[in-house]
Amino acid sequence: MTNENNGKFKDMSYEEGINKLRELISVLEKGEGTFEELIATYKEAFEYYTFCSEYLTDAGEKIRDLNEKIRAMSKSTEEQ
């Protein structure tokens, strides 16, 4: 993540992030707590959503890069 919460997510796996996001969504769905508490929970959930979304975007880019390298290697092998 590129915001001030980068340290919060520095060593977090995608699985840990998505599990925390699910927990926060569950709290929001119950609707228990004060308005301020629910807003704070929503803000935290959005941070985890952003982390998970960026994680998947990065993973997708890595997969595309690997696929391109594999295609290039395959093409150079076919040409020989």
PDB file of N, CA and C in Angstrom:
ATOM      1  N   MET A   1       0.837  -1.187   0.000  1.00  0.00           N
ATOM      2  CA  MET A   1       0.000   0.000   0.000  1.00  0.00           C
ATOM      3  C   MET A   1       0.876   1.241   0.000  1.00  0.00           C
ATOM      4  N   THR A   2       0.365   2.268  -0.574  1.00  0.00           N
ATOM      5  CA  THR A   2       1.159   3.473  -0.702  1.00  0.00           C
ATOM      6  C   THR A   2       0.750   4.560   0.283  1.00  0.00           C
ATOM      7  N   ASN A   3      -0.160   4.279   1.207  1.00  0.00           N
ATOM      8  CA  ASN A   3      -0.575   5.310   2.149  1.00  0.00           C
ATOM      9  C   ASN A   3       0.127   5.152   3.492  1.00  0.00           C
ATOM     10  N   GLU A   4      -0.346   5.898   4.477  1.00  0.00           N
ATOM     11  CA  GLU A   4       0.305   5.903   5.784  1.00  0.00           C
ATOM     12  C   GLU A   4       0.174   4.581   6.526  1.00  0.00           C
ATOM     13  N   ASN A   5      -0.639   3.671   6.073  1.00  0.00           N
ATOM     14  CA  ASN A   5      -0.832   2.382   6.735  1.00  0.00           C
ATOM     15  C   ASN A   5       0.103   1.307   6.197  1.00  0.00           C
ATOM     16  N   ASN A   6       1.069   1.703   5.380  1.00  0.00           N
ATOM     17  CA  ASN A   6       1.985   0.738   4.782  1.00  0.00           C
ATOM     18  C   ASN A   6       2.620  -0.152   5.836  1.00  0.00           C
ATOM     19  N   GLY A   7       3.053   0.415   6.963  1.00  0.00           N
ATOM     20  CA  GLY A   7       3.659  -0.371   8.025  1.00  0.00           C
ATOM     21  C   GLY A   7       2.700  -1.375   8.625  1.00  0.00           C
ATOM     22  N   LYS A   8       1.450  -1.012   8.704  1.00  0.00           N
ATOM     23  CA  LYS A   8       0.415  -1.883   9.260  1.00  0.00           C
ATOM     24  C   LYS A   8       0.285  -3.175   8.447  1.00  0.00           C
ATOM     25  N   PHE A   9       0.504  -3.077   7.155  1.00  0.00           N
ATOM     26  CA  PHE A   9       0.314  -4.213   6.268  1.00  0.00           C
ATOM     27  C   PHE A   9       1.615  -4.798   5.747  1.00  0.00           C
ATOM     28  N   LYS A  10       2.744  -4.284   6.208  1.00  0.00           N
ATOM     29  CA  LYS A  10       4.060  -4.623   5.654  1.00  0.00           C
ATOM     30  C   LYS A  10       4.294  -6.134   5.533  1.00  0.00           C
ATOM     31  N   ASP A  11       4.076  -6.880   6.588  1.00  0.00           N
ATOM     32  CA  ASP A  11       4.360  -8.320   6.583  1.00  0.00           C
ATOM     33  C   ASP A  11       3.089  -9.162   6.533  1.00  0.00           C
ATOM     34  N   MET A  12       1.977  -8.544   6.164  1.00  0.00           N
ATOM     35  CA  MET A  12       0.696  -9.257   6.168  1.00  0.00           C
ATOM     36  C   MET A  12       0.504 -10.035   4.875  1.00  0.00           C
ATOM     37  N   SER A  13       0.008 -11.246   5.005  1.00  0.00           N
ATOM     38  CA  SER A  13      -0.324 -12.039   3.816  1.00  0.00           C
ATOM     39  C   SER A  13      -1.722 -11.648   3.340  1.00  0.00           C
ATOM     40  N   TYR A  14      -2.006 -12.027   2.106  1.00  0.00           N
ATOM     41  CA  TYR A  14      -3.342 -11.780   1.562  1.00  0.00           C
ATOM     42  C   TYR A  14      -4.400 -12.484   2.425  1.00  0.00           C
ATOM     43  N   GLU A  15      -4.112 -13.703   2.826  1.00  0.00           N
ATOM     44  CA  GLU A  15      -5.073 -14.479   3.611  1.00  0.00           C
ATOM     45  C   GLU A  15      -5.382 -13.794   4.940  1.00  0.00           C
ATOM     46  N   GLU A  16      -4.355 -13.258   5.587  1.00  0.00           N
ATOM     47  CA  GLU A  16      -4.581 -12.542   6.845  1.00  0.00           C
ATOM     48  C   GLU A  16      -5.433 -11.294   6.605  1.00  0.00           C
ATOM     49  N   GLY A  17      -5.137 -10.585   5.534  1.00  0.00           N
ATOM     50  CA  GLY A  17      -5.890  -9.375   5.216  1.00  0.00           C
ATOM     51  C   GLY A  17      -7.341  -9.660   4.911  1.00  0.00           C
ATOM     52  N   ILE A  18      -7.593 -10.688   4.117  1.00  0.00           N
ATOM     53  CA  ILE A  18      -8.979 -10.992   3.739  1.00  0.00           C
ATOM     54  C   ILE A  18      -9.760 -11.518   4.939  1.00  0.00           C
ATOM     55  N   ASN A  19      -9.097 -12.273   5.819  1.00  0.00           N
ATOM     56  CA  ASN A  19      -9.789 -12.748   7.027  1.00  0.00           C
ATOM     57  C   ASN A  19     -10.167 -11.593   7.931  1.00  0.00           C
ATOM     58  N   LYS A  20      -9.271 -10.623   8.091  1.00  0.00           N
ATOM     59  CA  LYS A  20      -9.573  -9.444   8.907  1.00  0.00           C
ATOM     60  C   LYS A  20     -10.698  -8.642   8.267  1.00  0.00           C
ATOM     61  N   LEU A  21     -10.664  -8.507   6.961  1.00  0.00           N
ATOM     62  CA  LEU A  21     -11.730  -7.798   6.255  1.00  0.00           C
ATOM     63  C   LEU A  21     -13.072  -8.480   6.488  1.00  0.00           C
ATOM     64  N   ARG A  22     -13.100  -9.791   6.421  1.00  0.00           N
ATOM     65  CA  ARG A  22     -14.348 -10.535   6.679  1.00  0.00           C
ATOM     66  C   ARG A  22     -14.863 -10.293   8.095  1.00  0.00           C
ATOM     67  N   GLU A  23     -13.943 -10.272   9.064  1.00  0.00           N
ATOM     68  CA  GLU A  23     -14.336  -9.994  10.451  1.00  0.00           C
ATOM     69  C   GLU A  23     -14.969  -8.605  10.570  1.00  0.00           C
ATOM     70  N   LEU A  24     -14.343  -7.628   9.950  1.00  0.00           N
ATOM     71  CA  LEU A  24     -14.849  -6.258  10.024  1.00  0.00           C
ATOM     72  C   LEU A  24     -16.197  -6.127   9.326  1.00  0.00           C
ATOM     73  N   ILE A  25     -16.369  -6.798   8.206  1.00  0.00           N
ATOM     74  CA  ILE A  25     -17.651  -6.779   7.504  1.00  0.00           C
ATOM     75  C   ILE A  25     -18.735  -7.391   8.374  1.00  0.00           C
ATOM     76  N   SER A  26     -18.392  -8.454   9.078  1.00  0.00           N
ATOM     77  CA  SER A  26     -19.352  -9.092   9.979  1.00  0.00           C
ATOM     78  C   SER A  26     -19.808  -8.117  11.071  1.00  0.00           C
ATOM     79  N   VAL A  27     -18.862  -7.374  11.619  1.00  0.00           N
ATOM     80  CA  VAL A  27     -19.202  -6.372  12.636  1.00  0.00           C
ATOM     81  C   VAL A  27     -20.140  -5.328  12.041  1.00  0.00           C
ATOM     82  N   LEU A  28     -19.835  -4.868  10.841  1.00  0.00           N
ATOM     83  CA  LEU A  28     -20.672  -3.861  10.194  1.00  0.00           C
ATOM     84  C   LEU A  28     -22.067  -4.402   9.897  1.00  0.00           C
ATOM     85  N   GLU A  29     -22.148  -5.651   9.476  1.00  0.00           N
ATOM     86  CA  GLU A  29     -23.448  -6.239   9.158  1.00  0.00           C
ATOM     87  C   GLU A  29     -24.336  -6.345  10.393  1.00  0.00           C
ATOM     88  N   LYS A  30     -23.734  -6.584  11.548  1.00  0.00           N
ATOM     89  CA  LYS A  30     -24.504  -6.650  12.793  1.00  0.00           C
ATOM     90  C   LYS A  30     -25.034  -5.285  13.187  1.00  0.00           C
ATOM     91  N   GLY A  31     -24.294  -4.248  12.819  1.00  0.00           N
ATOM     92  CA  GLY A  31     -24.744  -2.888  13.097  1.00  0.00           C
ATOM     93  C   GLY A  31     -24.757  -2.517  14.562  1.00  0.00           C
ATOM     94  N   GLU A  32     -23.994  -3.228  15.362  1.00  0.00           N
ATOM     95  CA  GLU A  32     -23.957  -2.948  16.794  1.00  0.00           C
ATOM     96  C   GLU A  32     -22.854  -1.936  17.089  1.00  0.00           C
ATOM     97  N   GLY A  33     -23.082  -1.089  18.055  1.00  0.00           N
ATOM     98  CA  GLY A  33     -22.105  -0.082  18.424  1.00  0.00           C
ATOM     99  C   GLY A  33     -22.616   1.305  18.092  1.00  0.00           C
ATOM    100  N   THR A  34     -21.866   2.271  18.516  1.00  0.00           N
ATOM    101  CA  THR A  34     -22.248   3.654  18.248  1.00  0.00           C
ATOM    102  C   THR A  34     -21.937   3.988  16.798  1.00  0.00           C
ATOM    103  N   PHE A  35     -22.499   5.094  16.367  1.00  0.00           N
ATOM    104  CA  PHE A  35     -22.235   5.551  15.011  1.00  0.00           C
ATOM    105  C   PHE A  35     -20.746   5.765  14.797  1.00  0.00           C
ATOM    106  N   GLU A  36     -20.085   6.367  15.765  1.00  0.00           N
ATOM    107  CA  GLU A  36     -18.650   6.627  15.661  1.00  0.00           C
ATOM    108  C   GLU A  36     -17.852   5.328  15.562  1.00  0.00           C
ATOM    109  N   GLU A  37     -18.243   4.324  16.341  1.00  0.00           N
ATOM    110  CA  GLU A  37     -17.556   3.033  16.290  1.00  0.00           C
ATOM    111  C   GLU A  37     -17.739   2.368  14.924  1.00  0.00           C
ATOM    112  N   LEU A  38     -18.950   2.462  14.392  1.00  0.00           N
ATOM    113  CA  LEU A  38     -19.211   1.867  13.084  1.00  0.00           C
ATOM    114  C   LEU A  38     -18.445   2.593  11.980  1.00  0.00           C
ATOM    115  N   ILE A  39     -18.334   3.893  12.085  1.00  0.00           N
ATOM    116  CA  ILE A  39     -17.558   4.659  11.100  1.00  0.00           C
ATOM    117  C   ILE A  39     -16.083   4.245  11.174  1.00  0.00           C
ATOM    118  N   ALA A  40     -15.553   4.095  12.400  1.00  0.00           N
ATOM    119  CA  ALA A  40     -14.155   3.672  12.568  1.00  0.00           C
ATOM    120  C   ALA A  40     -13.958   2.269  11.998  1.00  0.00           C
ATOM    121  N   THR A  41     -14.916   1.384  12.217  1.00  0.00           N
ATOM    122  CA  THR A  41     -14.841   0.024  11.685  1.00  0.00           C
ATOM    123  C   THR A  41     -14.893   0.056  10.162  1.00  0.00           C
ATOM    124  N   TYR A  42     -15.769   0.896   9.620  1.00  0.00           N
ATOM    125  CA  TYR A  42     -15.862   1.028   8.162  1.00  0.00           C
ATOM    126  C   TYR A  42     -14.540   1.522   7.590  1.00  0.00           C
ATOM    127  N   LYS A  43     -13.941   2.507   8.236  1.00  0.00           N
ATOM    128  CA  LYS A  43     -12.657   3.046   7.764  1.00  0.00           C
ATOM    129  C   LYS A  43     -11.586   1.955   7.776  1.00  0.00           C
ATOM    130  N   GLU A  44     -11.537   1.178   8.858  1.00  0.00           N
ATOM    131  CA  GLU A  44     -10.553   0.095   8.940  1.00  0.00           C
ATOM    132  C   GLU A  44     -10.821  -0.965   7.875  1.00  0.00           C
ATOM    133  N   ALA A  45     -12.099  -1.292   7.666  1.00  0.00           N
ATOM    134  CA  ALA A  45     -12.455  -2.281   6.644  1.00  0.00           C
ATOM    135  C   ALA A  45     -12.016  -1.794   5.266  1.00  0.00           C
ATOM    136  N   PHE A  46     -12.186  -0.507   5.003  1.00  0.00           N
ATOM    137  CA  PHE A  46     -11.772   0.034   3.713  1.00  0.00           C
ATOM    138  C   PHE A  46     -10.264  -0.061   3.534  1.00  0.00           C
ATOM    139  N   GLU A  47      -9.504   0.129   4.614  1.00  0.00           N
ATOM    140  CA  GLU A  47      -8.046  -0.015   4.549  1.00  0.00           C
ATOM    141  C   GLU A  47      -7.667  -1.450   4.180  1.00  0.00           C
ATOM    142  N   TYR A  48      -8.351  -2.418   4.804  1.00  0.00           N
ATOM    143  CA  TYR A  48      -8.066  -3.822   4.488  1.00  0.00           C
ATOM    144  C   TYR A  48      -8.518  -4.166   3.073  1.00  0.00           C
ATOM    145  N   TYR A  49      -9.639  -3.614   2.647  1.00  0.00           N
ATOM    146  CA  TYR A  49     -10.102  -3.819   1.273  1.00  0.00           C
ATOM    147  C   TYR A  49      -9.056  -3.296   0.284  1.00  0.00           C
ATOM    148  N   THR A  50      -8.535  -2.103   0.550  1.00  0.00           N
ATOM    149  CA  THR A  50      -7.524  -1.502  -0.319  1.00  0.00           C
ATOM    150  C   THR A  50      -6.276  -2.369  -0.350  1.00  0.00           C
ATOM    151  N   PHE A  51      -5.836  -2.850   0.821  1.00  0.00           N
ATOM    152  CA  PHE A  51      -4.672  -3.737   0.883  1.00  0.00           C
ATOM    153  C   PHE A  51      -4.900  -4.972   0.020  1.00  0.00           C
ATOM    154  N   CYS A  52      -6.046  -5.625   0.193  1.00  0.00           N
ATOM    155  CA  CYS A  52      -6.328  -6.859  -0.554  1.00  0.00           C
ATOM    156  C   CYS A  52      -6.420  -6.588  -2.052  1.00  0.00           C
ATOM    157  N   SER A  53      -7.051  -5.498  -2.418  1.00  0.00           N
ATOM    158  CA  SER A  53      -7.188  -5.145  -3.821  1.00  0.00           C
ATOM    159  C   SER A  53      -5.826  -4.886  -4.459  1.00  0.00           C
ATOM    160  N   GLU A  54      -4.980  -4.127  -3.775  1.00  0.00           N
ATOM    161  CA  GLU A  54      -3.639  -3.846  -4.295  1.00  0.00           C
ATOM    162  C   GLU A  54      -2.788  -5.111  -4.342  1.00  0.00           C
ATOM    163  N   TYR A  55      -2.959  -5.984  -3.361  1.00  0.00           N
ATOM    164  CA  TYR A  55      -2.231  -7.251  -3.331  1.00  0.00           C
ATOM    165  C   TYR A  55      -2.562  -8.073  -4.578  1.00  0.00           C
ATOM    166  N   LEU A  56      -3.860  -8.168  -4.897  1.00  0.00           N
ATOM    167  CA  LEU A  56      -4.285  -8.936  -6.065  1.00  0.00           C
ATOM    168  C   LEU A  56      -3.812  -8.287  -7.363  1.00  0.00           C
ATOM    169  N   THR A  57      -3.830  -6.965  -7.418  1.00  0.00           N
ATOM    170  CA  THR A  57      -3.340  -6.261  -8.602  1.00  0.00           C
ATOM    171  C   THR A  57      -1.860  -6.553  -8.816  1.00  0.00           C
ATOM    172  N   ASP A  58      -1.079  -6.472  -7.737  1.00  0.00           N
ATOM    173  CA  ASP A  58       0.359  -6.772  -7.825  1.00  0.00           C
ATOM    174  C   ASP A  58       0.595  -8.215  -8.259  1.00  0.00           C
ATOM    175  N   ALA A  59      -0.175  -9.134  -7.694  1.00  0.00           N
ATOM    176  CA  ALA A  59      -0.029 -10.548  -8.053  1.00  0.00           C
ATOM    177  C   ALA A  59      -0.358 -10.752  -9.528  1.00  0.00           C
ATOM    178  N   GLY A  60      -1.397 -10.085 -10.011  1.00  0.00           N
ATOM    179  CA  GLY A  60      -1.768 -10.190 -11.421  1.00  0.00           C
ATOM    180  C   GLY A  60      -0.664  -9.684 -12.334  1.00  0.00           C
ATOM    181  N   GLU A  61      -0.034  -8.577 -11.946  1.00  0.00           N
ATOM    182  CA  GLU A  61       1.075  -8.042 -12.739  1.00  0.00           C
ATOM    183  C   GLU A  61       2.252  -9.013 -12.769  1.00  0.00           C
ATOM    184  N   LYS A  62       2.545  -9.627 -11.643  1.00  0.00           N
ATOM    185  CA  LYS A  62       3.638 -10.604 -11.583  1.00  0.00           C
ATOM    186  C   LYS A  62       3.337 -11.803 -12.480  1.00  0.00           C
ATOM    187  N   ILE A  63       2.101 -12.250 -12.469  1.00  0.00           N
ATOM    188  CA  ILE A  63       1.706 -13.389 -13.310  1.00  0.00           C
ATOM    189  C   ILE A  63       1.826 -13.023 -14.779  1.00  0.00           C
ATOM    190  N   ARG A  64       1.372 -11.817 -15.154  1.00  0.00           N
ATOM    191  CA  ARG A  64       1.507 -11.377 -16.549  1.00  0.00           C
ATOM    192  C   ARG A  64       2.975 -11.318 -16.961  1.00  0.00           C
ATOM    193  N   ASP A  65       3.832 -10.783 -16.078  1.00  0.00           N
ATOM    194  CA  ASP A  65       5.267 -10.714 -16.382  1.00  0.00           C
ATOM    195  C   ASP A  65       5.858 -12.107 -16.591  1.00  0.00           C
ATOM    196  N   LEU A  66       5.496 -13.033 -15.713  1.00  0.00           N
ATOM    197  CA  LEU A  66       5.998 -14.404 -15.850  1.00  0.00           C
ATOM    198  C   LEU A  66       5.512 -15.047 -17.138  1.00  0.00           C
ATOM    199  N   ASN A  67       4.248 -14.826 -17.466  1.00  0.00           N
ATOM    200  CA  ASN A  67       3.709 -15.380 -18.715  1.00  0.00           C
ATOM    201  C   ASN A  67       4.449 -14.836 -19.924  1.00  0.00           C
ATOM    202  N   GLU A  68       4.768 -13.540 -19.900  1.00  0.00           N
ATOM    203  CA  GLU A  68       5.520 -12.945 -21.008  1.00  0.00           C
ATOM    204  C   GLU A  68       6.912 -13.561 -21.113  1.00  0.00           C
ATOM    205  N   LYS A  69       7.572 -13.769 -19.991  1.00  0.00           N
ATOM    206  CA  LYS A  69       8.899 -14.382 -19.995  1.00  0.00           C
ATOM    207  C   LYS A  69       8.839 -15.812 -20.517  1.00  0.00           C
ATOM    208  N   ILE A  70       7.816 -16.543 -20.097  1.00  0.00           N
ATOM    209  CA  ILE A  70       7.653 -17.927 -20.556  1.00  0.00           C
ATOM    210  C   ILE A  70       7.419 -17.960 -22.062  1.00  0.00           C
ATOM    211  N   ARG A  71       6.551 -17.048 -22.572  1.00  0.00           N
ATOM    212  CA  ARG A  71       6.303 -16.992 -24.000  1.00  0.00           C
ATOM    213  C   ARG A  71       7.583 -16.662 -24.776  1.00  0.00           C
ATOM    214  N   ALA A  72       8.363 -15.717 -24.255  1.00  0.00           N
ATOM    215  CA  ALA A  72       9.604 -15.327 -24.914  1.00  0.00           C
ATOM    216  C   ALA A  72      10.590 -16.494 -24.933  1.00  0.00           C
ATOM    217  N   MET A  73      10.685 -17.203 -23.813  1.00  0.00           N
ATOM    218  CA  MET A  73      11.585 -18.358 -23.748  1.00  0.00           C
ATOM    219  C   MET A  73      11.115 -19.451 -24.702  1.00  0.00           C
ATOM    220  N   SER A  74       9.811 -19.658 -24.748  1.00  0.00           N
ATOM    221  CA  SER A  74       9.251 -20.675 -25.621  1.00  0.00           C
ATOM    222  C   SER A  74       9.498 -20.316 -27.087  1.00  0.00           C
ATOM    223  N   LYS A  75       9.320 -19.040 -27.401  1.00  0.00           N
ATOM    224  CA  LYS A  75       9.521 -18.598 -28.775  1.00  0.00           C
ATOM    225  C   LYS A  75      10.979 -18.746 -29.194  1.00  0.00           C
ATOM    226  N   SER A  76      11.904 -18.390 -28.295  1.00  0.00           N
ATOM    227  CA  SER A  76      13.328 -18.517 -28.632  1.00  0.00           C
ATOM    228  C   SER A  76      13.724 -19.982 -28.761  1.00  0.00           C
ATOM    229  N   THR A  77      13.106 -20.857 -28.007  1.00  0.00           N
ATOM    230  CA  THR A  77      13.387 -22.300 -28.118  1.00  0.00           C
ATOM    231  C   THR A  77      12.857 -22.838 -29.431  1.00  0.00           C
ATOM    232  N   GLU A  78      11.693 -22.372 -29.868  1.00  0.00           N
ATOM    233  CA  GLU A  78      11.103 -22.834 -31.133  1.00  0.00           C
ATOM    234  C   GLU A  78      11.939 -22.386 -32.328  1.00  0.00           C
ATOM    235  N   GLU A  79      12.580 -21.216 -32.222  1.00  0.00           N
ATOM    236  CA  GLU A  79      13.352 -20.670 -33.321  1.00  0.00           C
ATOM    237  C   GLU A  79      14.682 -21.407 -33.506  1.00  0.00           C
ATOM    238  N   GLN A  80      15.121 -22.120 -32.500  1.00  0.00           N
ATOM    239  CA  GLN A  80      16.427 -22.805 -32.582  1.00  0.00           C
ATOM    240  C   GLN A  80      16.331 -24.102 -33.297  1.00  0.00           C
TER     241      GLN A  80
END
